[in-house]
Amino acid sequence: MLSMLGLGAAGLLTAPHLQRGLEAFLGSAADKDPTGLTGLLPNGGGFRYYSVAASVPRKGPDTYRLTVDGLVDRPATYTLDALRALPQTRVVHDVQCVTGWRVPDTPFEGVRLSRLLDAAGVRSDAKAVRFTCFDGTYSESLTLQQARRADVMVALRMRDTPIEHAHGGPVRLYVAPMYFYKSAKWLSGISVTSDVRPGYWEERGYDVDAWVGRSNGRGDTPTV
């Protein structure tokens, strides 16, 4: 295994086809690594792979479902095709991980979260939104005001291609102005709640409000 990784890492510098092979290998490894070890390995696209679950099932058009429920008047379930049929928005923004790596000018496309919330009819006593994932482990939350921002979306495409499984596909949350742990991968549930419930990493000491440059002790320029 170590020799494979050594060859793949060299390919990042010398051969694009070896780079793509390493990305495929790491994407498979991320499904099985609950420790985050794969997050330490390089990736030609600038991203690092993280998973907090022992395994993550793969979902496609026939099996993927996204539910919207909680404090809403019209709960809904969306297929992948139904999400693709909705008006799409595009955001180009730096991706910033709290661990320090950054991928500049990364395009994401998908459905504004505010559109799904409006379609569901958010009740007056709602204050927040909780997100769950089909890895069975990860969760996140935003205030309702944060969730309604124009740069927060249910993302279907990244870098002008459908989001791959290793990057949280086929559907992930994307919260452009916050550190990337807020952009939950493998999104399966959106539940409107009466208060913010700390997500997976917040329960382990990360900031609930993860604005880039304004949280977790980093010095990046704030993006609001």
C-alpha atoms as a PDB file:
ATOM      1  CA  MET A   1       0.000   0.000   0.000  1.00  0.00           C
ATOM      2  CA  LEU A   2       2.809   2.405   0.925  1.00  0.00           C
ATOM      3  CA  SER A   3       4.543   1.783  -2.387  1.00  0.00           C
ATOM      4  CA  MET A   4       1.325   2.562  -4.247  1.00  0.00           C
ATOM      5  CA  LEU A   5       0.975   5.842  -2.389  1.00  0.00           C
ATOM      6  CA  GLY A   6       4.590   6.748  -3.103  1.00  0.00           C
ATOM      7  CA  LEU A   7       4.112   6.167  -6.799  1.00  0.00           C
ATOM      8  CA  GLY A   8       0.856   8.102  -6.794  1.00  0.00           C
ATOM      9  CA  ALA A   9       2.387  11.058  -4.984  1.00  0.00           C
ATOM     10  CA  ALA A  10       5.164  11.214  -7.573  1.00  0.00           C
ATOM     11  CA  GLY A  11       2.523  11.168 -10.283  1.00  0.00           C
ATOM     12  CA  LEU A  12       1.053  14.356  -8.913  1.00  0.00           C
ATOM     13  CA  LEU A  13       4.153  16.117 -10.143  1.00  0.00           C
ATOM     14  CA  THR A  14       4.816  14.240 -13.357  1.00  0.00           C
ATOM     15  CA  ALA A  15       1.776  12.597 -14.933  1.00  0.00           C
ATOM     16  CA  PRO A  16      -1.891  13.644 -14.915  1.00  0.00           C
ATOM     17  CA  HIS A  17      -3.074  10.061 -15.511  1.00  0.00           C
ATOM     18  CA  LEU A  18      -1.257   8.880 -12.386  1.00  0.00           C
ATOM     19  CA  GLN A  19      -2.800  11.813 -10.523  1.00  0.00           C
ATOM     20  CA  ARG A  20      -6.304  10.702 -11.509  1.00  0.00           C
ATOM     21  CA  GLY A  21      -5.478   7.149 -10.435  1.00  0.00           C
ATOM     22  CA  LEU A  22      -4.396   8.347  -7.019  1.00  0.00           C
ATOM     23  CA  GLU A  23      -7.572  10.372  -6.639  1.00  0.00           C
ATOM     24  CA  ALA A  24      -9.652   7.276  -7.416  1.00  0.00           C
ATOM     25  CA  PHE A  25      -7.634   5.235  -4.916  1.00  0.00           C
ATOM     26  CA  LEU A  26      -7.992   7.812  -2.181  1.00  0.00           C
ATOM     27  CA  GLY A  27     -11.698   8.175  -2.876  1.00  0.00           C
ATOM     28  CA  SER A  28     -12.104   4.450  -2.272  1.00  0.00           C
ATOM     29  CA  ALA A  29      -9.922   4.608   0.831  1.00  0.00           C
ATOM     30  CA  ALA A  30     -11.984   7.463   2.243  1.00  0.00           C
ATOM     31  CA  ASP A  31     -15.007   5.166   2.314  1.00  0.00           C
ATOM     32  CA  LYS A  32     -13.215   2.855   4.733  1.00  0.00           C
ATOM     33  CA  ASP A  33     -11.147   5.166   6.921  1.00  0.00           C
ATOM     34  CA  PRO A  34     -12.892   6.333  10.099  1.00  0.00           C
ATOM     35  CA  THR A  35      -9.700   7.927  11.442  1.00  0.00           C
ATOM     36  CA  GLY A  36      -9.277  10.722   8.917  1.00  0.00           C
ATOM     37  CA  LEU A  37      -5.906   9.289   7.837  1.00  0.00           C
ATOM     38  CA  THR A  38      -6.763   9.799   4.187  1.00  0.00           C
ATOM     39  CA  GLY A  39      -7.046  13.505   4.950  1.00  0.00           C
ATOM     40  CA  LEU A  40      -3.269  13.574   5.305  1.00  0.00           C
ATOM     41  CA  LEU A  41      -2.687  12.322   1.762  1.00  0.00           C
ATOM     42  CA  PRO A  42      -2.209  14.660  -1.227  1.00  0.00           C
ATOM     43  CA  ASN A  43      -4.738  15.060  -3.995  1.00  0.00           C
ATOM     44  CA  GLY A  44      -4.021  16.659  -7.367  1.00  0.00           C
ATOM     45  CA  GLY A  45      -7.122  18.833  -7.171  1.00  0.00           C
ATOM     46  CA  GLY A  46      -5.920  20.419  -3.940  1.00  0.00           C
ATOM     47  CA  PHE A  47      -8.550  18.740  -1.783  1.00  0.00           C
ATOM     48  CA  ARG A  48      -7.953  16.209   0.980  1.00  0.00           C
ATOM     49  CA  TYR A  49     -10.332  13.374   1.708  1.00  0.00           C
ATOM     50  CA  TYR A  50     -11.953  13.057   5.126  1.00  0.00           C
ATOM     51  CA  SER A  51     -14.507  10.614   6.458  1.00  0.00           C
ATOM     52  CA  VAL A  52     -15.611  10.087  10.044  1.00  0.00           C
ATOM     53  CA  ALA A  53     -17.594   6.930   9.254  1.00  0.00           C
ATOM     54  CA  ALA A  54     -16.241   3.410   8.845  1.00  0.00           C
ATOM     55  CA  SER A  55     -17.945   3.168   5.453  1.00  0.00           C
ATOM     56  CA  VAL A  56     -20.230   5.272   3.269  1.00  0.00           C
ATOM     57  CA  PRO A  57     -22.763   3.740   0.859  1.00  0.00           C
ATOM     58  CA  ARG A  58     -22.829   4.995  -2.699  1.00  0.00           C
ATOM     59  CA  LYS A  59     -26.001   6.676  -3.940  1.00  0.00           C
ATOM     60  CA  GLY A  60     -27.155   7.383  -7.475  1.00  0.00           C
ATOM     61  CA  PRO A  61     -30.305   8.564  -9.266  1.00  0.00           C
ATOM     62  CA  ASP A  62     -32.214   5.408  -8.321  1.00  0.00           C
ATOM     63  CA  THR A  63     -31.345   5.408  -4.630  1.00  0.00           C
ATOM     64  CA  TYR A  64     -30.615   8.985  -3.565  1.00  0.00           C
ATOM     65  CA  ARG A  65     -33.251  10.855  -1.528  1.00  0.00           C
ATOM     66  CA  LEU A  66     -33.154  14.198   0.289  1.00  0.00           C
ATOM     67  CA  THR A  67     -35.819  14.882   2.903  1.00  0.00           C
ATOM     68  CA  VAL A  68     -36.897  18.315   4.121  1.00  0.00           C
ATOM     69  CA  ASP A  69     -38.905  18.222   7.344  1.00  0.00           C
ATOM     70  CA  GLY A  70     -39.157  19.565  10.882  1.00  0.00           C
ATOM     71  CA  LEU A  71     -40.876  22.886  11.555  1.00  0.00           C
ATOM     72  CA  VAL A  72     -42.335  23.207   8.063  1.00  0.00           C
ATOM     73  CA  ASP A  73     -45.841  23.144   6.620  1.00  0.00           C
ATOM     74  CA  ARG A  74     -44.977  21.057   3.567  1.00  0.00           C
ATOM     75  CA  PRO A  75     -42.392  18.320   4.203  1.00  0.00           C
ATOM     76  CA  ALA A  76     -40.852  17.012   1.011  1.00  0.00           C
ATOM     77  CA  THR A  77     -38.609  14.311  -0.382  1.00  0.00           C
ATOM     78  CA  TYR A  78     -36.454  15.037  -3.431  1.00  0.00           C
ATOM     79  CA  THR A  79     -34.855  12.606  -5.830  1.00  0.00           C
ATOM     80  CA  LEU A  80     -31.614  13.479  -7.550  1.00  0.00           C
ATOM     81  CA  ASP A  81     -33.474  14.168 -10.793  1.00  0.00           C
ATOM     82  CA  ALA A  82     -35.929  16.447  -8.965  1.00  0.00           C
ATOM     83  CA  LEU A  83     -33.075  18.510  -7.537  1.00  0.00           C
ATOM     84  CA  ARG A  84     -31.447  18.756 -10.956  1.00  0.00           C
ATOM     85  CA  ALA A  85     -34.722  20.033 -12.426  1.00  0.00           C
ATOM     86  CA  LEU A  86     -34.882  23.003 -10.040  1.00  0.00           C
ATOM     87  CA  PRO A  87     -33.290  26.375 -10.901  1.00  0.00           C
ATOM     88  CA  GLN A  88     -29.547  26.153 -10.340  1.00  0.00           C
ATOM     89  CA  THR A  89     -27.169  28.747  -8.978  1.00  0.00           C
ATOM     90  CA  ARG A  90     -23.378  28.972  -9.279  1.00  0.00           C
ATOM     91  CA  VAL A  91     -20.889  30.268  -6.718  1.00  0.00           C
ATOM     92  CA  VAL A  92     -17.128  30.576  -7.256  1.00  0.00           C
ATOM     93  CA  HIS A  93     -15.279  30.925  -3.987  1.00  0.00           C
ATOM     94  CA  ASP A  94     -12.155  29.745  -2.174  1.00  0.00           C
ATOM     95  CA  VAL A  95     -12.606  26.527  -0.228  1.00  0.00           C
ATOM     96  CA  GLN A  96     -10.874  26.887   3.144  1.00  0.00           C
ATOM     97  CA  CYS A  97     -10.334  23.994   5.536  1.00  0.00           C
ATOM     98  CA  VAL A  98      -9.836  24.772   9.200  1.00  0.00           C
ATOM     99  CA  THR A  99      -6.716  22.560   9.123  1.00  0.00           C
ATOM    100  CA  GLY A 100      -5.049  25.094   6.836  1.00  0.00           C
ATOM    101  CA  TRP A 101      -5.326  23.946   3.233  1.00  0.00           C
ATOM    102  CA  ARG A 102      -7.149  26.070   0.691  1.00  0.00           C
ATOM    103  CA  VAL A 103      -8.416  25.520  -2.855  1.00  0.00           C
ATOM    104  CA  PRO A 104      -8.917  28.917  -4.544  1.00  0.00           C
ATOM    105  CA  ASP A 105     -11.679  29.896  -6.954  1.00  0.00           C
ATOM    106  CA  THR A 106     -13.660  26.663  -6.743  1.00  0.00           C
ATOM    107  CA  PRO A 107     -17.011  26.660  -8.573  1.00  0.00           C
ATOM    108  CA  PHE A 108     -20.029  24.965  -7.008  1.00  0.00           C
ATOM    109  CA  GLU A 109     -23.476  24.665  -8.580  1.00  0.00           C
ATOM    110  CA  GLY A 110     -26.765  23.580  -7.093  1.00  0.00           C
ATOM    111  CA  VAL A 111     -30.044  24.668  -5.557  1.00  0.00           C
ATOM    112  CA  ARG A 112     -30.075  27.538  -3.107  1.00  0.00           C
ATOM    113  CA  LEU A 113     -31.026  26.203   0.300  1.00  0.00           C
ATOM    114  CA  SER A 114     -33.413  29.132   0.708  1.00  0.00           C
ATOM    115  CA  ARG A 115     -35.422  27.853  -2.266  1.00  0.00           C
ATOM    116  CA  LEU A 116     -35.995  24.483  -0.600  1.00  0.00           C
ATOM    117  CA  LEU A 117     -36.892  26.157   2.690  1.00  0.00           C
ATOM    118  CA  ASP A 118     -39.393  28.466   0.993  1.00  0.00           C
ATOM    119  CA  ALA A 119     -40.968  25.523  -0.827  1.00  0.00           C
ATOM    120  CA  ALA A 120     -41.380  23.701   2.484  1.00  0.00           C
ATOM    121  CA  GLY A 121     -42.994  26.686   4.238  1.00  0.00           C
ATOM    122  CA  VAL A 122     -40.862  27.409   7.317  1.00  0.00           C
ATOM    123  CA  ARG A 123     -42.938  28.027  10.431  1.00  0.00           C
ATOM    124  CA  SER A 124     -42.686  31.190  12.504  1.00  0.00           C
ATOM    125  CA  ASP A 125     -41.114  29.467  15.507  1.00  0.00           C
ATOM    126  CA  ALA A 126     -38.202  28.089  13.461  1.00  0.00           C
ATOM    127  CA  LYS A 127     -34.720  29.396  14.249  1.00  0.00           C
ATOM    128  CA  ALA A 128     -32.246  26.954  12.715  1.00  0.00           C
ATOM    129  CA  VAL A 129     -31.627  24.149  10.241  1.00  0.00           C
ATOM    130  CA  ARG A 130     -30.018  20.791  11.000  1.00  0.00           C
ATOM    131  CA  PHE A 131     -28.349  18.637   8.337  1.00  0.00           C
ATOM    132  CA  THR A 132     -27.837  14.888   8.427  1.00  0.00           C
ATOM    133  CA  CYS A 133     -25.895  12.648   6.077  1.00  0.00           C
ATOM    134  CA  PHE A 134     -26.209   9.161   4.650  1.00  0.00           C
ATOM    135  CA  ASP A 135     -22.880   8.123   6.129  1.00  0.00           C
ATOM    136  CA  GLY A 136     -24.970   7.685   9.273  1.00  0.00           C
ATOM    137  CA  THR A 137     -22.603   9.751  11.415  1.00  0.00           C
ATOM    138  CA  TYR A 138     -22.036  13.335  10.298  1.00  0.00           C
ATOM    139  CA  SER A 139     -24.314  16.268  11.098  1.00  0.00           C
ATOM    140  CA  GLU A 140     -24.232  20.059  10.895  1.00  0.00           C
ATOM    141  CA  SER A 141     -26.388  23.086  11.732  1.00  0.00           C
ATOM    142  CA  LEU A 142     -26.891  26.678  10.650  1.00  0.00           C
ATOM    143  CA  THR A 143     -29.071  29.441  11.960  1.00  0.00           C
ATOM    144  CA  LEU A 144     -32.052  30.140   9.733  1.00  0.00           C
ATOM    145  CA  GLN A 145     -30.517  33.485   8.764  1.00  0.00           C
ATOM    146  CA  GLN A 146     -27.262  31.796   7.734  1.00  0.00           C
ATOM    147  CA  ALA A 147     -29.134  29.098   5.815  1.00  0.00           C
ATOM    148  CA  ARG A 148     -30.954  31.705   3.744  1.00  0.00           C
ATOM    149  CA  ARG A 149     -27.775  33.322   2.415  1.00  0.00           C
ATOM    150  CA  ALA A 150     -27.412  33.392  -1.363  1.00  0.00           C
ATOM    151  CA  ASP A 151     -24.047  31.579  -1.110  1.00  0.00           C
ATOM    152  CA  VAL A 152     -25.412  28.569   0.773  1.00  0.00           C
ATOM    153  CA  MET A 153     -26.635  25.752  -1.439  1.00  0.00           C
ATOM    154  CA  VAL A 154     -27.483  22.118  -1.828  1.00  0.00           C
ATOM    155  CA  ALA A 155     -24.664  21.412  -4.254  1.00  0.00           C
ATOM    156  CA  LEU A 156     -24.839  18.977  -7.170  1.00  0.00           C
ATOM    157  CA  ARG A 157     -21.742  20.016  -9.126  1.00  0.00           C
ATOM    158  CA  MET A 158     -18.215  21.026  -8.181  1.00  0.00           C
ATOM    159  CA  ARG A 159     -15.562  22.271 -10.616  1.00  0.00           C
ATOM    160  CA  ASP A 160     -18.090  21.930 -13.449  1.00  0.00           C
ATOM    161  CA  THR A 161     -18.678  18.195 -13.019  1.00  0.00           C
ATOM    162  CA  PRO A 162     -21.136  16.187 -10.887  1.00  0.00           C
ATOM    163  CA  ILE A 163     -19.861  15.879  -7.324  1.00  0.00           C
ATOM    164  CA  GLU A 164     -18.052  12.567  -6.937  1.00  0.00           C
ATOM    165  CA  HIS A 165     -18.676  10.181  -4.071  1.00  0.00           C
ATOM    166  CA  ALA A 166     -15.349  10.948  -2.383  1.00  0.00           C
ATOM    167  CA  HIS A 167     -16.207  14.655  -2.361  1.00  0.00           C
ATOM    168  CA  GLY A 168     -19.597  14.046  -0.742  1.00  0.00           C
ATOM    169  CA  GLY A 169     -21.684  13.288  -3.812  1.00  0.00           C
ATOM    170  CA  PRO A 170     -24.048  13.019  -5.339  1.00  0.00           C
ATOM    171  CA  VAL A 171     -25.318  15.885  -3.137  1.00  0.00           C
ATOM    172  CA  ARG A 172     -23.587  17.867  -0.413  1.00  0.00           C
ATOM    173  CA  LEU A 173     -24.173  21.060   1.505  1.00  0.00           C
ATOM    174  CA  TYR A 174     -22.025  24.021   0.478  1.00  0.00           C
ATOM    175  CA  VAL A 175     -21.609  26.982   2.847  1.00  0.00           C
ATOM    176  CA  ALA A 176     -19.252  29.280   0.954  1.00  0.00           C
ATOM    177  CA  PRO A 177     -18.269  31.800   3.665  1.00  0.00           C
ATOM    178  CA  MET A 178     -17.526  29.229   6.391  1.00  0.00           C
ATOM    179  CA  TYR A 179     -14.797  26.672   6.975  1.00  0.00           C
ATOM    180  CA  PHE A 180     -15.350  23.565   4.924  1.00  0.00           C
ATOM    181  CA  TYR A 181     -16.440  21.318   7.796  1.00  0.00           C
ATOM    182  CA  LYS A 182     -19.757  23.181   7.703  1.00  0.00           C
ATOM    183  CA  SER A 183     -20.315  21.931   4.116  1.00  0.00           C
ATOM    184  CA  ALA A 184     -21.584  18.496   5.072  1.00  0.00           C
ATOM    185  CA  LYS A 185     -20.884  15.700   2.601  1.00  0.00           C
ATOM    186  CA  TRP A 186     -23.371  13.002   1.544  1.00  0.00           C
ATOM    187  CA  LEU A 187     -26.350  15.166   2.472  1.00  0.00           C
ATOM    188  CA  SER A 188     -29.599  13.266   3.087  1.00  0.00           C
ATOM    189  CA  GLY A 189     -31.679  15.313   5.526  1.00  0.00           C
ATOM    190  CA  ILE A 190     -32.611  18.949   6.102  1.00  0.00           C
ATOM    191  CA  SER A 191     -34.642  19.494   9.257  1.00  0.00           C
ATOM    192  CA  VAL A 192     -35.900  22.902  10.376  1.00  0.00           C
ATOM    193  CA  THR A 193     -35.556  23.243  14.151  1.00  0.00           C
ATOM    194  CA  SER A 194     -36.244  25.637  17.004  1.00  0.00           C
ATOM    195  CA  ASP A 195     -32.562  26.040  17.914  1.00  0.00           C
ATOM    196  CA  VAL A 196     -29.053  25.360  16.641  1.00  0.00           C
ATOM    197  CA  ARG A 197     -27.847  21.878  17.522  1.00  0.00           C
ATOM    198  CA  PRO A 198     -24.060  21.474  17.425  1.00  0.00           C
ATOM    199  CA  GLY A 199     -22.855  19.234  14.614  1.00  0.00           C
ATOM    200  CA  TYR A 200     -20.318  16.414  14.628  1.00  0.00           C
ATOM    201  CA  TRP A 201     -17.207  18.570  14.911  1.00  0.00           C
ATOM    202  CA  GLU A 202     -18.802  21.221  17.107  1.00  0.00           C
ATOM    203  CA  GLU A 203     -19.446  18.502  19.675  1.00  0.00           C
ATOM    204  CA  ARG A 204     -15.689  17.923  19.572  1.00  0.00           C
ATOM    205  CA  GLY A 205     -14.658  21.536  20.123  1.00  0.00           C
ATOM    206  CA  TYR A 206     -15.000  23.268  16.753  1.00  0.00           C
ATOM    207  CA  ASP A 207     -16.812  26.592  16.495  1.00  0.00           C
ATOM    208  CA  VAL A 208     -20.525  26.515  15.704  1.00  0.00           C
ATOM    209  CA  ASP A 209     -20.250  29.793  13.784  1.00  0.00           C
ATOM    210  CA  ALA A 210     -17.339  28.954  11.497  1.00  0.00           C
ATOM    211  CA  TRP A 211     -16.862  32.149   9.481  1.00  0.00           C
ATOM    212  CA  VAL A 212     -13.533  32.048   7.679  1.00  0.00           C
ATOM    213  CA  GLY A 213     -11.139  34.359   9.485  1.00  0.00           C
ATOM    214  CA  ARG A 214     -13.429  34.908  12.464  1.00  0.00           C
ATOM    215  CA  SER A 215     -13.310  31.550  14.201  1.00  0.00           C
ATOM    216  CA  ASN A 216     -11.013  28.722  15.261  1.00  0.00           C
ATOM    217  CA  GLY A 217      -8.127  31.105  15.854  1.00  0.00           C
ATOM    218  CA  ARG A 218      -7.162  31.556  12.204  1.00  0.00           C
ATOM    219  CA  GLY A 219      -6.053  34.804  10.618  1.00  0.00           C
ATOM    220  CA  ASP A 220      -7.615  34.628   7.179  1.00  0.00           C
ATOM    221  CA  THR A 221      -9.417  37.600   5.694  1.00  0.00           C
ATOM    222  CA  PRO A 222     -13.103  37.415   6.688  1.00  0.00           C
ATOM    223  CA  THR A 223     -15.566  36.637   3.916  1.00  0.00           C
ATOM    224  CA  VAL A 224     -19.143  37.721   4.597  1.00  0.00           C
END
